[in-house]
């Protein structure tokens, strides 16, 4: 990493627990994670909720420099994290040189906006089942597969961290999804069986 010219120019390191930026503050930079993980949190009804835990290759903070709005969430280093930090000019220069990066950012922004809006609705309704279904649905989408599979241990752990729900409860919801024919637990895989039912739960249906 030390020999990486890109990191030498744009790199920054945040220790575990360090505040990267706070909700409602003015945003001047976006970040791309090179190592470690970052917790994204939002205050709702005077309580802070974890919306996501991002890892290597993920980016965050882009809305503030794209739309010139204040930070819509808080970002904290979940462990020691190394990032590339770009201001608006650097960000524009990066996407102008690489259309593939620009399309990838647009795709992720669209998914994040949809997920965040639906997640807030579930939080308002205190719909924990729907919240788990929503995040499981996006886990399948992020994996780039439609009728594919996920690693159960990794998925259970990530949903537990992201949603602040004990792993035992996540596993109970997976058992319920299995009984409803939505997924099948097969060897070391979570296999998606009924996309329509999972989406219905994710969107607040029964």
N, C-alpha and C. Protein backbone atom coordinates (compact mmCIF):
# COMPACT_ATOMS: atom_id res chain seq x y z
N UNK A 1 0.83 -1.21 0.00
CA UNK A 1 0.00 0.00 0.00
C UNK A 1 0.86 1.26 0.00
N UNK A 2 1.98 1.18 0.74
CA UNK A 2 2.86 2.35 0.83
C UNK A 2 3.46 2.68 -0.53
N UNK A 3 3.65 1.64 -1.43
CA UNK A 3 4.24 1.86 -2.75
C UNK A 3 3.19 2.21 -3.79
N UNK A 4 1.94 2.26 -3.41
CA UNK A 4 0.85 2.56 -4.33
C UNK A 4 0.79 4.07 -4.55
N UNK A 5 1.07 4.54 -5.79
CA UNK A 5 1.08 5.99 -6.03
C UNK A 5 -0.29 6.63 -5.80
N UNK A 6 -1.36 5.88 -6.08
CA UNK A 6 -2.71 6.42 -5.86
C UNK A 6 -2.95 6.65 -4.37
N UNK A 7 -2.53 5.66 -3.55
CA UNK A 7 -2.70 5.82 -2.10
C UNK A 7 -1.79 6.90 -1.55
N UNK A 8 -0.59 7.00 -2.11
CA UNK A 8 0.34 8.05 -1.67
C UNK A 8 -0.25 9.43 -1.89
N UNK A 9 -1.03 9.58 -2.97
CA UNK A 9 -1.60 10.88 -3.30
C UNK A 9 -2.93 11.13 -2.59
N UNK A 10 -3.79 10.11 -2.54
CA UNK A 10 -5.15 10.30 -2.03
C UNK A 10 -5.44 9.51 -0.74
N UNK A 11 -4.50 8.70 -0.28
CA UNK A 11 -4.76 7.79 0.83
C UNK A 11 -4.91 8.47 2.18
N UNK A 12 -5.74 7.84 3.02
CA UNK A 12 -5.95 8.30 4.38
C UNK A 12 -6.26 7.09 5.25
N UNK A 13 -5.81 7.11 6.52
CA UNK A 13 -6.03 6.00 7.44
C UNK A 13 -6.83 6.49 8.64
N UNK A 14 -7.88 5.73 8.99
CA UNK A 14 -8.69 6.04 10.17
C UNK A 14 -8.59 4.85 11.13
N UNK A 15 -8.28 5.13 12.39
CA UNK A 15 -8.21 4.08 13.40
C UNK A 15 -9.62 3.59 13.76
N UNK A 16 -9.69 2.39 14.32
CA UNK A 16 -10.97 1.81 14.72
C UNK A 16 -11.74 2.75 15.65
N UNK A 17 -13.03 2.98 15.33
CA UNK A 17 -13.86 3.85 16.15
C UNK A 17 -13.78 5.32 15.79
N UNK A 18 -12.89 5.67 14.88
CA UNK A 18 -12.71 7.08 14.50
C UNK A 18 -13.87 7.56 13.63
N UNK A 19 -14.40 8.74 13.96
CA UNK A 19 -15.45 9.35 13.17
C UNK A 19 -14.86 9.88 11.86
N UNK A 20 -15.43 9.45 10.73
CA UNK A 20 -14.97 9.92 9.42
C UNK A 20 -15.75 11.16 9.02
N UNK A 21 -17.07 11.09 9.15
CA UNK A 21 -17.90 12.29 9.03
C UNK A 21 -19.21 12.03 9.75
N UNK A 22 -19.93 13.12 10.02
CA UNK A 22 -21.15 13.04 10.82
C UNK A 22 -22.37 13.51 10.04
N UNK A 23 -23.50 12.89 10.32
CA UNK A 23 -24.77 13.25 9.69
C UNK A 23 -25.03 14.75 9.83
N UNK A 24 -25.46 15.37 8.74
CA UNK A 24 -25.84 16.79 8.65
C UNK A 24 -24.67 17.77 8.52
N UNK A 25 -23.43 17.29 8.59
CA UNK A 25 -22.32 18.21 8.39
C UNK A 25 -22.08 18.41 6.90
N UNK A 26 -21.40 19.48 6.55
CA UNK A 26 -21.09 19.76 5.15
C UNK A 26 -20.11 18.72 4.63
N UNK A 27 -20.37 18.22 3.43
CA UNK A 27 -19.50 17.20 2.86
C UNK A 27 -18.64 17.75 1.75
N UNK A 28 -17.36 17.49 1.83
CA UNK A 28 -16.43 17.99 0.83
C UNK A 28 -15.72 16.86 0.07
N UNK A 29 -15.77 15.64 0.62
CA UNK A 29 -15.02 14.53 0.02
C UNK A 29 -15.84 13.25 0.01
N UNK A 30 -15.48 12.35 -0.90
CA UNK A 30 -16.00 10.98 -0.91
C UNK A 30 -14.84 10.03 -0.67
N UNK A 31 -15.15 8.77 -0.39
CA UNK A 31 -14.12 7.82 0.00
C UNK A 31 -14.34 6.47 -0.68
N UNK A 32 -13.23 5.82 -1.04
CA UNK A 32 -13.26 4.45 -1.56
C UNK A 32 -12.41 3.61 -0.63
N UNK A 33 -12.99 2.54 -0.08
CA UNK A 33 -12.29 1.71 0.91
C UNK A 33 -11.27 0.80 0.23
N UNK A 34 -10.04 0.85 0.74
CA UNK A 34 -8.96 -0.01 0.25
C UNK A 34 -8.72 -1.21 1.18
N UNK A 35 -8.84 -0.96 2.48
CA UNK A 35 -8.70 -2.02 3.49
C UNK A 35 -9.59 -1.67 4.68
N UNK A 36 -10.07 -2.71 5.37
CA UNK A 36 -10.89 -2.48 6.56
C UNK A 36 -12.36 -2.30 6.24
N UNK A 37 -13.11 -1.81 7.21
CA UNK A 37 -14.56 -1.64 7.02
C UNK A 37 -15.06 -0.38 7.72
N UNK A 38 -16.18 0.11 7.22
CA UNK A 38 -16.77 1.37 7.71
C UNK A 38 -18.24 1.14 8.02
N UNK A 39 -18.67 1.61 9.17
CA UNK A 39 -20.07 1.49 9.57
C UNK A 39 -20.81 2.78 9.20
N UNK A 40 -21.92 2.63 8.46
CA UNK A 40 -22.76 3.77 8.07
C UNK A 40 -23.99 3.78 8.96
N UNK A 41 -24.23 4.90 9.65
CA UNK A 41 -25.31 4.97 10.64
C UNK A 41 -26.19 6.21 10.41
N UNK A 42 -27.44 6.09 10.83
CA UNK A 42 -28.38 7.20 10.70
C UNK A 42 -29.24 7.29 11.95
N UNK A 43 -29.51 8.52 12.40
CA UNK A 43 -30.33 8.75 13.57
C UNK A 43 -31.81 8.76 13.19
N UNK A 44 -32.59 7.99 13.93
CA UNK A 44 -34.03 7.91 13.67
C UNK A 44 -34.73 7.77 15.01
N UNK A 45 -35.69 8.66 15.29
CA UNK A 45 -36.40 8.66 16.58
C UNK A 45 -35.42 8.70 17.76
N UNK A 46 -34.41 9.57 17.62
CA UNK A 46 -33.42 9.79 18.68
C UNK A 46 -32.55 8.56 18.97
N UNK A 47 -32.52 7.62 18.04
CA UNK A 47 -31.66 6.45 18.20
C UNK A 47 -30.85 6.26 16.94
N UNK A 48 -29.60 5.82 17.09
CA UNK A 48 -28.73 5.63 15.95
C UNK A 48 -28.82 4.19 15.46
N UNK A 49 -29.12 4.03 14.16
CA UNK A 49 -29.24 2.71 13.57
C UNK A 49 -28.11 2.49 12.55
N UNK A 50 -27.61 1.27 12.48
CA UNK A 50 -26.62 0.92 11.47
C UNK A 50 -27.34 0.57 10.17
N UNK A 51 -27.04 1.30 9.11
CA UNK A 51 -27.65 1.04 7.81
C UNK A 51 -26.82 0.04 7.00
N UNK A 52 -25.50 0.09 7.18
CA UNK A 52 -24.64 -0.82 6.42
C UNK A 52 -23.25 -0.85 7.03
N UNK A 53 -22.55 -1.95 6.78
CA UNK A 53 -21.12 -2.04 7.07
C UNK A 53 -20.44 -2.30 5.73
N UNK A 54 -19.65 -1.34 5.28
CA UNK A 54 -19.03 -1.40 3.96
C UNK A 54 -17.60 -1.93 4.06
N UNK A 55 -17.16 -2.62 3.02
CA UNK A 55 -15.82 -3.21 3.01
C UNK A 55 -15.02 -2.80 1.80
N UNK A 56 -13.93 -3.50 1.57
CA UNK A 56 -13.00 -3.19 0.49
C UNK A 56 -13.71 -3.07 -0.86
N UNK A 57 -13.41 -1.97 -1.56
CA UNK A 57 -14.00 -1.74 -2.88
C UNK A 57 -15.27 -0.91 -2.83
N UNK A 58 -15.89 -0.79 -1.65
CA UNK A 58 -17.10 0.03 -1.52
C UNK A 58 -16.72 1.50 -1.42
N UNK A 59 -17.65 2.36 -1.80
CA UNK A 59 -17.43 3.81 -1.68
C UNK A 59 -18.55 4.41 -0.86
N UNK A 60 -18.30 5.57 -0.29
CA UNK A 60 -19.32 6.25 0.52
C UNK A 60 -19.00 7.74 0.57
N UNK A 61 -20.02 8.52 0.93
CA UNK A 61 -19.85 9.97 1.03
C UNK A 61 -19.99 10.71 -0.29
N UNK A 62 -20.36 9.95 -1.35
CA UNK A 62 -20.40 10.56 -2.68
C UNK A 62 -21.56 11.53 -2.87
N UNK A 63 -22.67 11.32 -2.14
CA UNK A 63 -23.85 12.18 -2.35
C UNK A 63 -23.55 13.64 -2.03
N UNK A 64 -22.72 13.88 -1.04
CA UNK A 64 -22.42 15.24 -0.62
C UNK A 64 -21.69 16.02 -1.70
N UNK A 65 -20.84 15.34 -2.46
CA UNK A 65 -20.09 16.08 -3.49
C UNK A 65 -20.78 16.02 -4.86
N UNK A 66 -21.63 15.00 -5.07
CA UNK A 66 -22.38 14.93 -6.33
C UNK A 66 -23.53 15.93 -6.30
N UNK A 67 -24.31 15.91 -5.21
CA UNK A 67 -25.50 16.76 -5.10
C UNK A 67 -25.27 18.02 -4.27
N UNK A 68 -24.09 18.15 -3.68
CA UNK A 68 -23.74 19.31 -2.84
C UNK A 68 -24.73 19.47 -1.69
N UNK A 69 -25.09 18.36 -1.07
CA UNK A 69 -25.98 18.39 0.09
C UNK A 69 -25.19 17.98 1.33
N UNK A 70 -25.77 18.23 2.50
CA UNK A 70 -25.10 17.84 3.73
C UNK A 70 -25.13 16.31 3.89
N UNK A 71 -24.25 15.81 4.73
CA UNK A 71 -24.16 14.37 4.93
C UNK A 71 -25.50 13.81 5.40
N UNK A 72 -25.95 12.74 4.76
CA UNK A 72 -27.23 12.14 5.12
C UNK A 72 -27.08 11.03 6.15
N UNK A 73 -25.85 10.68 6.50
CA UNK A 73 -25.59 9.64 7.49
C UNK A 73 -24.22 9.88 8.12
N UNK A 74 -23.93 9.11 9.15
CA UNK A 74 -22.64 9.18 9.85
C UNK A 74 -21.78 8.00 9.43
N UNK A 75 -20.49 8.22 9.25
CA UNK A 75 -19.56 7.15 8.89
C UNK A 75 -18.48 7.03 9.96
N UNK A 76 -18.30 5.80 10.47
CA UNK A 76 -17.31 5.54 11.51
C UNK A 76 -16.47 4.33 11.11
N UNK A 77 -15.18 4.39 11.35
CA UNK A 77 -14.30 3.25 11.06
C UNK A 77 -14.65 2.09 11.98
N UNK A 78 -15.05 0.95 11.40
CA UNK A 78 -15.41 -0.23 12.21
C UNK A 78 -14.15 -0.94 12.72
N UNK A 79 -13.07 -0.78 11.98
CA UNK A 79 -11.74 -1.22 12.41
C UNK A 79 -10.75 -0.27 11.73
N UNK A 80 -9.46 -0.56 11.80
CA UNK A 80 -8.51 0.31 11.11
C UNK A 80 -8.81 0.24 9.62
N UNK A 81 -9.07 1.39 9.03
CA UNK A 81 -9.50 1.41 7.63
C UNK A 81 -8.63 2.36 6.81
N UNK A 82 -8.29 1.90 5.60
CA UNK A 82 -7.53 2.71 4.66
C UNK A 82 -8.44 3.08 3.50
N UNK A 83 -8.49 4.34 3.17
CA UNK A 83 -9.39 4.82 2.13
C UNK A 83 -8.65 5.73 1.15
N UNK A 84 -9.24 5.87 -0.03
CA UNK A 84 -8.84 6.93 -0.95
C UNK A 84 -9.85 8.05 -0.78
N UNK A 85 -9.39 9.27 -0.60
CA UNK A 85 -10.26 10.42 -0.36
C UNK A 85 -10.20 11.36 -1.57
N UNK A 86 -11.38 11.62 -2.18
CA UNK A 86 -11.45 12.48 -3.35
C UNK A 86 -12.36 13.67 -3.08
N UNK A 87 -11.94 14.87 -3.48
CA UNK A 87 -12.85 16.01 -3.44
C UNK A 87 -13.67 16.00 -4.73
N UNK A 88 -14.53 16.99 -4.91
CA UNK A 88 -15.43 17.01 -6.08
C UNK A 88 -14.64 17.00 -7.39
N UNK A 89 -13.59 17.80 -7.47
CA UNK A 89 -12.81 17.88 -8.69
C UNK A 89 -12.13 16.54 -9.00
N UNK A 90 -11.57 15.92 -7.97
CA UNK A 90 -10.92 14.64 -8.15
C UNK A 90 -11.91 13.55 -8.55
N UNK A 91 -13.10 13.59 -7.96
CA UNK A 91 -14.15 12.62 -8.28
C UNK A 91 -14.59 12.76 -9.73
N UNK A 92 -14.83 13.99 -10.17
CA UNK A 92 -15.25 14.23 -11.55
C UNK A 92 -14.17 13.77 -12.53
N UNK A 93 -12.91 14.06 -12.19
CA UNK A 93 -11.80 13.63 -13.04
C UNK A 93 -11.73 12.13 -13.16
N UNK A 94 -12.01 11.44 -12.05
CA UNK A 94 -11.94 9.98 -12.05
C UNK A 94 -13.01 9.38 -12.95
N UNK A 95 -14.25 9.85 -12.85
CA UNK A 95 -15.33 9.25 -13.65
C UNK A 95 -15.26 9.69 -15.12
N UNK A 96 -14.67 10.86 -15.38
CA UNK A 96 -14.51 11.29 -16.78
C UNK A 96 -13.54 10.39 -17.52
N UNK A 97 -12.56 9.86 -16.79
CA UNK A 97 -11.55 9.01 -17.41
C UNK A 97 -12.02 7.56 -17.55
N UNK A 98 -13.05 7.19 -16.79
CA UNK A 98 -13.47 5.79 -16.81
C UNK A 98 -14.99 5.68 -16.73
N UNK A 99 -15.62 5.46 -17.89
CA UNK A 99 -17.09 5.37 -17.94
C UNK A 99 -17.61 4.19 -17.15
N UNK A 100 -16.81 3.12 -17.05
CA UNK A 100 -17.23 1.93 -16.32
C UNK A 100 -17.38 2.24 -14.84
N UNK A 101 -16.46 3.05 -14.30
CA UNK A 101 -16.55 3.46 -12.90
C UNK A 101 -17.81 4.30 -12.69
N UNK A 102 -18.08 5.20 -13.63
CA UNK A 102 -19.27 6.06 -13.52
C UNK A 102 -20.55 5.24 -13.51
N UNK A 103 -20.65 4.25 -14.39
CA UNK A 103 -21.84 3.40 -14.44
C UNK A 103 -21.98 2.56 -13.17
N UNK A 104 -20.86 2.08 -12.65
CA UNK A 104 -20.88 1.30 -11.42
C UNK A 104 -21.38 2.14 -10.25
N UNK A 105 -20.94 3.39 -10.20
CA UNK A 105 -21.38 4.30 -9.13
C UNK A 105 -22.86 4.59 -9.26
N UNK A 106 -23.34 4.85 -10.47
CA UNK A 106 -24.76 5.13 -10.69
C UNK A 106 -25.61 3.94 -10.25
N UNK A 107 -25.17 2.73 -10.63
CA UNK A 107 -25.90 1.51 -10.26
C UNK A 107 -25.96 1.35 -8.74
N UNK A 108 -24.84 1.54 -8.07
CA UNK A 108 -24.80 1.38 -6.61
C UNK A 108 -25.61 2.47 -5.92
N UNK A 109 -25.56 3.68 -6.45
CA UNK A 109 -26.34 4.77 -5.85
C UNK A 109 -27.83 4.48 -5.94
N UNK A 110 -28.27 3.96 -7.07
CA UNK A 110 -29.69 3.65 -7.25
C UNK A 110 -30.13 2.58 -6.26
N UNK A 111 -29.32 1.54 -6.11
CA UNK A 111 -29.65 0.45 -5.18
C UNK A 111 -29.65 0.94 -3.73
N UNK A 112 -28.66 1.76 -3.40
CA UNK A 112 -28.57 2.26 -2.02
C UNK A 112 -29.77 3.13 -1.67
N UNK A 113 -30.19 3.98 -2.61
CA UNK A 113 -31.32 4.86 -2.35
C UNK A 113 -32.58 4.04 -2.11
N UNK A 114 -32.81 3.04 -2.96
CA UNK A 114 -33.98 2.17 -2.80
C UNK A 114 -33.91 1.43 -1.47
N UNK A 115 -32.75 0.86 -1.16
CA UNK A 115 -32.60 0.09 0.07
C UNK A 115 -32.79 0.97 1.31
N UNK A 116 -32.21 2.17 1.28
CA UNK A 116 -32.32 3.07 2.43
C UNK A 116 -33.76 3.49 2.67
N UNK A 117 -34.48 3.82 1.60
CA UNK A 117 -35.88 4.24 1.74
C UNK A 117 -36.73 3.11 2.30
N UNK A 118 -36.54 1.89 1.78
CA UNK A 118 -37.32 0.75 2.27
C UNK A 118 -36.94 0.38 3.70
N UNK A 119 -35.64 0.53 4.01
CA UNK A 119 -35.18 0.21 5.35
C UNK A 119 -35.82 1.14 6.38
N UNK A 120 -35.91 2.41 6.05
CA UNK A 120 -36.53 3.39 6.95
C UNK A 120 -38.01 3.06 7.17
N UNK A 121 -38.69 2.61 6.11
CA UNK A 121 -40.10 2.23 6.25
C UNK A 121 -40.26 1.05 7.22
N UNK A 122 -39.37 0.06 7.11
CA UNK A 122 -39.43 -1.08 8.01
C UNK A 122 -39.12 -0.66 9.44
N UNK A 123 -38.18 0.27 9.60
CA UNK A 123 -37.84 0.75 10.94
C UNK A 123 -39.03 1.48 11.56
N UNK A 124 -39.74 2.25 10.75
CA UNK A 124 -40.93 2.98 11.23
C UNK A 124 -41.99 2.00 11.71
N UNK A 125 -42.16 0.92 10.97
CA UNK A 125 -43.18 -0.08 11.31
C UNK A 125 -42.68 -1.10 12.33
N UNK A 126 -41.40 -0.97 12.71
CA UNK A 126 -40.76 -1.95 13.60
C UNK A 126 -40.92 -3.36 13.03
N UNK A 127 -40.76 -3.47 11.72
CA UNK A 127 -40.94 -4.72 10.99
C UNK A 127 -39.59 -5.41 10.81
N UNK A 128 -39.18 -6.17 11.82
CA UNK A 128 -37.87 -6.81 11.80
C UNK A 128 -37.78 -7.88 10.73
N UNK A 129 -38.86 -8.64 10.54
CA UNK A 129 -38.88 -9.67 9.51
C UNK A 129 -38.67 -9.06 8.13
N UNK A 130 -39.39 -7.97 7.85
CA UNK A 130 -39.25 -7.29 6.56
C UNK A 130 -37.86 -6.72 6.37
N UNK A 131 -37.26 -6.24 7.45
CA UNK A 131 -35.92 -5.68 7.41
C UNK A 131 -34.89 -6.75 7.02
N UNK A 132 -35.03 -7.93 7.61
CA UNK A 132 -34.13 -9.04 7.28
C UNK A 132 -34.34 -9.47 5.83
N UNK A 133 -35.61 -9.57 5.40
CA UNK A 133 -35.92 -9.96 4.02
C UNK A 133 -35.33 -8.96 3.03
N UNK A 134 -35.47 -7.66 3.34
CA UNK A 134 -34.94 -6.61 2.47
C UNK A 134 -33.43 -6.76 2.30
N UNK A 135 -32.74 -6.93 3.41
CA UNK A 135 -31.28 -7.00 3.33
C UNK A 135 -30.79 -8.32 2.73
N UNK A 136 -31.57 -9.40 2.90
CA UNK A 136 -31.23 -10.65 2.23
C UNK A 136 -31.41 -10.50 0.73
N UNK A 137 -32.48 -9.84 0.33
CA UNK A 137 -32.73 -9.58 -1.10
C UNK A 137 -31.57 -8.80 -1.72
N UNK A 138 -31.11 -7.75 -1.03
CA UNK A 138 -30.01 -6.95 -1.57
C UNK A 138 -28.69 -7.72 -1.52
N UNK A 139 -28.55 -8.65 -0.60
CA UNK A 139 -27.35 -9.49 -0.57
C UNK A 139 -27.28 -10.35 -1.84
N UNK A 140 -28.43 -10.88 -2.27
CA UNK A 140 -28.46 -11.64 -3.52
C UNK A 140 -28.16 -10.73 -4.72
N UNK A 141 -28.72 -9.52 -4.70
CA UNK A 141 -28.46 -8.59 -5.80
C UNK A 141 -26.99 -8.20 -5.87
N UNK A 142 -26.40 -7.93 -4.70
CA UNK A 142 -24.99 -7.52 -4.65
C UNK A 142 -24.09 -8.65 -5.14
N UNK A 143 -24.52 -9.88 -4.92
CA UNK A 143 -23.72 -11.02 -5.36
C UNK A 143 -23.78 -11.18 -6.88
N UNK A 144 -24.71 -10.45 -7.51
CA UNK A 144 -24.81 -10.48 -8.96
C UNK A 144 -25.49 -11.72 -9.50
N UNK A 145 -26.36 -12.29 -8.69
CA UNK A 145 -27.04 -13.52 -9.11
C UNK A 145 -28.54 -13.38 -8.87
N UNK A 146 -29.33 -14.00 -9.74
CA UNK A 146 -30.78 -13.89 -9.62
C UNK A 146 -31.36 -15.10 -8.88
N UNK A 147 -31.04 -16.30 -9.35
CA UNK A 147 -31.48 -17.52 -8.66
C UNK A 147 -30.23 -18.27 -8.22
N UNK A 148 -29.45 -17.65 -7.37
CA UNK A 148 -28.16 -18.22 -6.98
C UNK A 148 -28.10 -18.57 -5.52
N UNK A 149 -26.91 -18.40 -4.92
CA UNK A 149 -26.75 -18.78 -3.53
C UNK A 149 -25.80 -17.84 -2.81
N UNK A 150 -25.86 -17.87 -1.47
CA UNK A 150 -25.00 -17.07 -0.60
C UNK A 150 -24.38 -17.98 0.45
N UNK A 151 -23.28 -17.54 1.02
CA UNK A 151 -22.65 -18.26 2.11
C UNK A 151 -23.43 -17.98 3.40
N UNK A 152 -23.97 -19.01 4.07
CA UNK A 152 -24.84 -18.78 5.23
C UNK A 152 -24.13 -18.14 6.42
N UNK A 153 -22.90 -18.56 6.71
CA UNK A 153 -22.17 -18.01 7.86
C UNK A 153 -21.87 -16.54 7.64
N UNK A 154 -21.33 -16.21 6.48
CA UNK A 154 -20.98 -14.82 6.15
C UNK A 154 -22.23 -13.95 6.11
N UNK A 155 -23.29 -14.44 5.48
CA UNK A 155 -24.52 -13.65 5.34
C UNK A 155 -25.17 -13.41 6.69
N UNK A 156 -25.23 -14.45 7.52
CA UNK A 156 -25.83 -14.30 8.86
C UNK A 156 -25.06 -13.28 9.68
N UNK A 157 -23.73 -13.37 9.64
CA UNK A 157 -22.90 -12.45 10.40
C UNK A 157 -23.08 -11.00 9.92
N UNK A 158 -23.07 -10.81 8.60
CA UNK A 158 -23.18 -9.45 8.05
C UNK A 158 -24.55 -8.83 8.35
N UNK A 159 -25.62 -9.62 8.22
CA UNK A 159 -26.95 -9.10 8.53
C UNK A 159 -27.07 -8.78 10.02
N UNK A 160 -26.47 -9.62 10.85
CA UNK A 160 -26.50 -9.38 12.30
C UNK A 160 -25.81 -8.06 12.65
N UNK A 161 -24.64 -7.82 12.03
CA UNK A 161 -23.89 -6.58 12.29
C UNK A 161 -24.64 -5.38 11.73
N UNK A 162 -25.08 -5.47 10.48
CA UNK A 162 -25.74 -4.35 9.82
C UNK A 162 -27.03 -3.94 10.51
N UNK A 163 -27.82 -4.93 10.93
CA UNK A 163 -29.14 -4.66 11.48
C UNK A 163 -29.18 -4.64 12.99
N UNK A 164 -28.04 -4.97 13.61
CA UNK A 164 -27.95 -5.04 15.07
C UNK A 164 -29.01 -5.99 15.64
N UNK A 165 -29.13 -7.14 14.98
CA UNK A 165 -30.03 -8.21 15.40
C UNK A 165 -29.16 -9.42 15.73
N UNK A 166 -29.37 -10.09 16.86
CA UNK A 166 -28.54 -11.26 17.22
C UNK A 166 -28.55 -12.31 16.10
N UNK A 167 -27.42 -12.98 15.93
CA UNK A 167 -27.30 -13.98 14.88
C UNK A 167 -28.34 -15.09 15.04
N UNK A 168 -28.68 -15.42 16.28
CA UNK A 168 -29.67 -16.47 16.52
C UNK A 168 -31.02 -16.09 15.92
N UNK A 169 -31.39 -14.81 16.03
CA UNK A 169 -32.67 -14.35 15.46
C UNK A 169 -32.62 -14.35 13.94
N UNK A 170 -31.47 -13.96 13.37
CA UNK A 170 -31.32 -14.01 11.92
C UNK A 170 -31.53 -15.44 11.43
N UNK A 171 -30.93 -16.39 12.14
CA UNK A 171 -31.07 -17.80 11.77
C UNK A 171 -32.52 -18.27 11.90
N UNK A 172 -33.23 -17.75 12.90
CA UNK A 172 -34.65 -18.10 13.06
C UNK A 172 -35.46 -17.59 11.88
N UNK A 173 -35.15 -16.37 11.41
CA UNK A 173 -35.85 -15.82 10.25
C UNK A 173 -35.54 -16.65 9.01
N UNK A 174 -34.29 -17.10 8.88
CA UNK A 174 -33.93 -17.95 7.75
C UNK A 174 -34.73 -19.26 7.78
N UNK A 175 -34.94 -19.80 8.97
CA UNK A 175 -35.76 -21.01 9.11
C UNK A 175 -37.20 -20.74 8.66
N UNK A 176 -37.70 -19.54 9.01
CA UNK A 176 -39.06 -19.17 8.60
C UNK A 176 -39.14 -19.02 7.08
N UNK A 177 -38.12 -18.38 6.49
CA UNK A 177 -38.08 -18.24 5.02
C UNK A 177 -38.01 -19.61 4.35
N UNK A 178 -37.30 -20.54 4.98
CA UNK A 178 -37.20 -21.90 4.44
C UNK A 178 -38.56 -22.59 4.48
N UNK A 179 -39.25 -22.44 5.61
CA UNK A 179 -40.58 -23.05 5.75
C UNK A 179 -41.57 -22.46 4.75
N UNK A 180 -41.39 -21.20 4.40
CA UNK A 180 -42.28 -20.53 3.45
C UNK A 180 -41.88 -20.76 2.00
N UNK A 181 -40.81 -21.52 1.79
CA UNK A 181 -40.38 -21.84 0.43
C UNK A 181 -39.62 -20.73 -0.27
N UNK A 182 -39.15 -19.74 0.49
CA UNK A 182 -38.43 -18.61 -0.11
C UNK A 182 -36.97 -18.95 -0.37
N UNK A 183 -36.35 -19.64 0.59
CA UNK A 183 -34.96 -20.07 0.42
C UNK A 183 -34.85 -21.55 0.79
N UNK A 184 -33.70 -22.15 0.47
CA UNK A 184 -33.41 -23.51 0.90
C UNK A 184 -31.98 -23.53 1.42
N UNK A 185 -31.80 -24.09 2.61
CA UNK A 185 -30.46 -24.24 3.16
C UNK A 185 -29.89 -25.55 2.63
N UNK A 186 -28.87 -25.44 1.79
CA UNK A 186 -28.33 -26.62 1.11
C UNK A 186 -26.82 -26.67 1.32
N UNK A 187 -26.35 -27.67 2.08
CA UNK A 187 -24.94 -27.80 2.42
C UNK A 187 -24.45 -26.47 3.00
N UNK A 188 -23.49 -25.81 2.37
CA UNK A 188 -23.00 -24.52 2.87
C UNK A 188 -23.50 -23.38 1.99
N UNK A 189 -24.77 -23.45 1.62
CA UNK A 189 -25.34 -22.44 0.73
C UNK A 189 -26.73 -22.03 1.18
N UNK A 190 -27.05 -20.75 0.95
CA UNK A 190 -28.44 -20.29 1.01
C UNK A 190 -28.89 -20.16 -0.43
N UNK A 191 -29.82 -21.00 -0.83
CA UNK A 191 -30.29 -21.01 -2.22
C UNK A 191 -31.61 -20.25 -2.30
N UNK A 192 -31.70 -19.31 -3.22
CA UNK A 192 -32.92 -18.53 -3.42
C UNK A 192 -33.91 -19.34 -4.26
N UNK A 193 -35.11 -19.60 -3.69
CA UNK A 193 -36.10 -20.44 -4.35
C UNK A 193 -37.25 -19.64 -4.94
N UNK A 194 -37.68 -18.58 -4.23
CA UNK A 194 -38.84 -17.82 -4.68
C UNK A 194 -38.56 -16.33 -4.54
N UNK A 195 -38.09 -15.74 -5.63
CA UNK A 195 -37.71 -14.32 -5.63
C UNK A 195 -38.92 -13.43 -5.34
N UNK A 196 -40.06 -13.76 -5.92
CA UNK A 196 -41.26 -12.92 -5.76
C UNK A 196 -41.68 -12.82 -4.29
N UNK A 197 -41.64 -13.95 -3.58
CA UNK A 197 -42.03 -13.93 -2.17
C UNK A 197 -41.04 -13.12 -1.34
N UNK A 198 -39.75 -13.23 -1.65
CA UNK A 198 -38.74 -12.48 -0.91
C UNK A 198 -38.92 -10.98 -1.14
N UNK A 199 -39.17 -10.60 -2.40
CA UNK A 199 -39.39 -9.18 -2.70
C UNK A 199 -40.64 -8.67 -2.02
N UNK A 200 -41.70 -9.48 -1.97
CA UNK A 200 -42.95 -9.07 -1.31
C UNK A 200 -42.71 -8.77 0.17
N UNK A 201 -41.93 -9.62 0.83
CA UNK A 201 -41.59 -9.37 2.23
C UNK A 201 -40.73 -8.13 2.37
N UNK A 202 -39.77 -7.99 1.46
CA UNK A 202 -38.85 -6.85 1.49
C UNK A 202 -39.60 -5.52 1.30
N UNK A 203 -40.67 -5.58 0.53
CA UNK A 203 -41.45 -4.36 0.26
C UNK A 203 -42.58 -4.17 1.24
N UNK A 204 -42.63 -5.03 2.25
CA UNK A 204 -43.63 -4.86 3.31
C UNK A 204 -44.88 -5.69 3.15
N UNK A 205 -44.85 -6.62 2.17
CA UNK A 205 -46.01 -7.49 1.96
C UNK A 205 -46.00 -8.64 2.94
N UNK A 206 -47.02 -9.41 2.96
CA UNK A 206 -47.16 -10.55 3.87
C UNK A 206 -47.15 -11.86 3.11
